[in-house]
Protein backbone atom coordinates (compact mmCIF):
# COMPACT_ATOMS: atom_id res chain seq x y z
CA MET A 1 0.06 0.11 0.29
CA ASN A 2 1.00 3.41 -0.83
CA ASP A 3 0.37 5.16 2.50
CA ALA A 4 1.70 9.24 1.75
CA GLN A 5 -1.08 8.35 -1.29
CA GLN A 6 -3.33 6.96 0.07
CA ARG A 7 -3.06 10.87 2.52
CA ARG A 8 -4.14 12.62 0.21
CA LEU A 9 -7.59 11.78 0.65
CA ASP A 10 -7.27 12.67 4.18
CA PRO A 11 -9.07 16.03 3.64
CA LEU A 12 -12.54 14.71 2.26
CA GLU A 13 -12.69 13.01 5.60
CA GLY A 14 -15.57 14.38 7.58
CA THR A 15 -19.63 14.89 7.23
CA PHE A 16 -20.15 17.76 4.99
CA ARG A 17 -23.81 19.62 3.84
CA ALA A 18 -23.90 19.21 0.15
CA LYS A 19 -25.96 20.69 -2.73
CA LEU A 20 -26.09 19.83 -6.02
CA ARG A 21 -26.92 21.16 -8.95
CA PHE A 22 -27.85 18.93 -12.03
CA TRP A 23 -28.63 19.49 -15.36
CA MET A 24 -31.13 16.78 -17.52
CA GLY A 25 -31.21 18.61 -20.40
CA PRO A 26 -30.72 22.41 -21.94
CA GLY A 27 -31.98 25.32 -19.54
CA ASP A 28 -31.84 25.95 -15.86
CA PRO A 29 -31.06 23.25 -13.14
CA THR A 30 -32.22 21.14 -10.68
CA THR A 31 -31.08 21.49 -7.15
CA SER A 32 -30.90 19.60 -4.50
CA SER A 33 -28.75 19.08 -0.81
CA GLY A 34 -28.55 16.46 1.19
CA LEU A 35 -25.05 15.42 3.74
CA MET A 36 -22.59 13.01 2.96
CA VAL A 37 -20.60 11.10 5.27
CA ASN A 38 -17.09 10.06 4.31
CA GLU A 39 -14.94 7.14 7.22
CA PHE A 40 -12.41 5.72 6.12
CA GLU A 41 -12.39 1.88 6.34
CA LEU A 42 -9.85 -1.36 6.63
CA ASN A 43 -7.17 0.09 8.19
CA ARG A 44 -7.76 3.77 6.82
CA THR A 45 -7.22 2.25 3.23
CA PHE A 46 -10.63 2.88 1.25
CA LEU A 47 -13.31 6.04 2.20
CA ARG A 48 -16.77 4.82 2.65
CA GLN A 49 -18.64 7.51 1.52
CA THR A 50 -22.67 7.47 1.64
CA TYR A 51 -24.88 10.06 0.72
CA ARG A 52 -28.45 10.48 1.57
CA GLY A 53 -30.90 13.23 0.71
CA ASP A 54 -32.31 16.08 2.57
CA PRO A 55 -36.32 15.20 1.79
CA THR A 56 -38.62 16.59 -0.11
CA GLY A 57 -41.37 15.67 -1.76
CA ASP A 58 -40.16 15.08 -5.35
CA PRO A 59 -37.64 11.43 -6.02
CA PHE A 60 -34.86 13.15 -6.09
CA GLY A 61 -34.98 14.12 -1.96
CA ALA A 62 -35.25 10.03 -1.43
CA PHE A 63 -32.11 9.74 -3.10
CA GLU A 64 -28.97 8.02 -1.54
CA GLY A 65 -25.62 6.42 -2.54
CA ARG A 66 -22.74 4.79 -1.18
CA GLY A 67 -19.08 5.49 -2.82
CA TYR A 68 -15.54 3.82 -1.86
CA TRP A 69 -12.77 6.15 -2.96
CA GLY A 70 -9.15 4.85 -2.78
CA TYR A 71 -5.39 4.33 -4.24
CA ASN A 72 -4.61 1.19 -6.23
CA SER A 73 -1.19 0.77 -4.84
CA ALA A 74 -0.53 -2.10 -8.08
CA GLU A 75 -1.70 0.45 -10.87
CA GLU A 76 -0.60 3.42 -9.97
CA ARG A 77 -3.89 5.52 -9.68
CA PHE A 78 -6.93 7.01 -7.23
CA GLU A 79 -9.92 4.09 -8.04
CA THR A 80 -14.13 5.38 -6.68
CA PHE A 81 -16.76 2.71 -6.48
CA TRP A 82 -20.59 4.66 -7.03
CA ILE A 83 -23.68 2.71 -5.95
CA ASP A 84 -27.34 4.79 -5.75
CA THR A 85 -30.83 4.58 -5.71
CA ALA A 86 -31.43 7.22 -9.58
CA SER A 87 -30.77 3.16 -10.95
CA SER A 88 -29.27 0.05 -10.84
CA ILE A 89 -25.60 0.55 -12.63
CA MET A 90 -22.20 -0.02 -10.30
CA GLN A 91 -20.08 2.86 -11.75
CA PHE A 92 -15.95 2.42 -11.50
CA GLU A 93 -14.00 5.31 -12.05
CA SER A 94 -9.83 5.82 -12.22
CA GLY A 95 -7.75 8.59 -12.27
CA GLN A 96 -5.13 10.31 -11.38
CA LEU A 97 -4.42 13.38 -8.84
CA ASP A 98 -2.56 16.47 -10.53
CA PRO A 99 0.39 17.63 -9.53
CA SER A 100 -0.78 20.32 -6.80
CA GLY A 101 -2.52 17.77 -4.98
CA LYS A 102 -5.79 19.17 -5.00
CA VAL A 103 -8.04 18.08 -7.88
CA TRP A 104 -8.59 14.24 -8.57
CA THR A 105 -9.53 13.78 -12.23
CA MET A 106 -11.03 10.28 -12.65
CA THR A 107 -12.79 9.07 -15.50
CA GLY A 108 -15.04 5.91 -16.83
CA LYS A 109 -17.63 3.80 -19.09
CA MET A 110 -21.17 2.25 -17.58
CA ALA A 111 -24.27 1.02 -19.83
CA GLN A 112 -26.82 3.45 -20.43
CA PRO A 113 -29.77 3.31 -17.87
CA ARG A 114 -32.25 1.88 -21.17
CA GLY A 115 -29.20 -0.34 -21.87
CA ASP A 116 -27.95 0.79 -25.35
CA GLY A 117 -24.95 1.97 -25.51
CA THR A 118 -22.70 3.06 -22.70
CA ILE A 119 -21.62 6.24 -21.58
CA THR A 120 -18.04 7.76 -21.31
CA LYS A 121 -17.44 9.76 -17.77
CA ARG A 122 -15.72 12.21 -16.19
CA SER A 123 -15.64 13.40 -12.45
CA VAL A 124 -13.63 16.36 -11.44
CA THR A 125 -13.01 16.86 -7.67
CA THR A 126 -10.89 19.77 -6.51
CA LEU A 127 -9.96 20.58 -3.06
CA GLY A 128 -10.48 24.06 -1.83
CA ASP A 129 -9.58 25.07 1.53
CA ALA A 130 -9.74 22.75 5.42
CA ASP A 131 -13.80 22.86 4.68
CA HIS A 132 -14.95 22.59 1.29
CA HIS A 133 -14.68 20.79 -1.96
CA ARG A 134 -16.04 20.64 -4.90
CA MET A 135 -17.13 17.71 -7.76
CA GLU A 136 -17.52 18.56 -11.15
CA ILE A 137 -19.26 15.14 -12.77
CA TYR A 138 -19.35 15.56 -16.32
CA MET A 139 -20.87 12.82 -19.34
CA ASP A 140 -21.05 11.63 -22.75
CA PHE A 141 -23.77 9.78 -24.10
CA GLY A 142 -22.20 9.63 -27.78
CA GLU A 143 -22.81 13.33 -28.42
CA GLY A 144 -20.49 15.17 -26.82
CA GLU A 145 -19.31 15.28 -23.28
CA THR A 146 -21.86 18.21 -21.01
CA LYS A 147 -21.38 18.77 -17.67
CA THR A 148 -24.63 17.09 -15.87
CA MET A 149 -23.75 17.94 -12.00
CA GLU A 150 -22.27 19.74 -9.46
CA ILE A 151 -21.36 19.04 -5.90
CA SER A 152 -20.72 21.81 -2.89
CA PHE A 153 -19.31 20.43 -0.19
CA GLU A 154 -19.55 22.30 3.28
CA ARG A 155 -17.76 20.29 6.31
CA ILE A 156 -20.00 20.18 9.46
CA LYS A 157 -18.28 21.61 12.64
């Protein structure tokens, strides 16, 4: 295990308020909010993520997600795994941390929810200060990459 690389995930540990904006097509984004709890497991090897959307009257209010982040020392890359209540697709991504140590760029491919093709996904997670980070998600459904989601995280103290 590469402890130095794994420790790069330390700033993401904690409990965060999340504010989401997501685009399901042209026009203004839909907004949502929730709580993200990130905790290390298995001798601090993997960062477990647990997300719960705030209760609202729409289907996204009941949204929940689970994920893991880690550093694969054999392949010298960061890897993530994410599942949620929006679909039955298991999402896998891998990538690198930039030289500044503040921006992870992760990419992956997954099946279209309707099963008619493949989606290419790119996630960019940027550290702000000790209490803030942001994730932007871009997807290519076969017609070019578009931004589909932006999540701002603020640590709860």
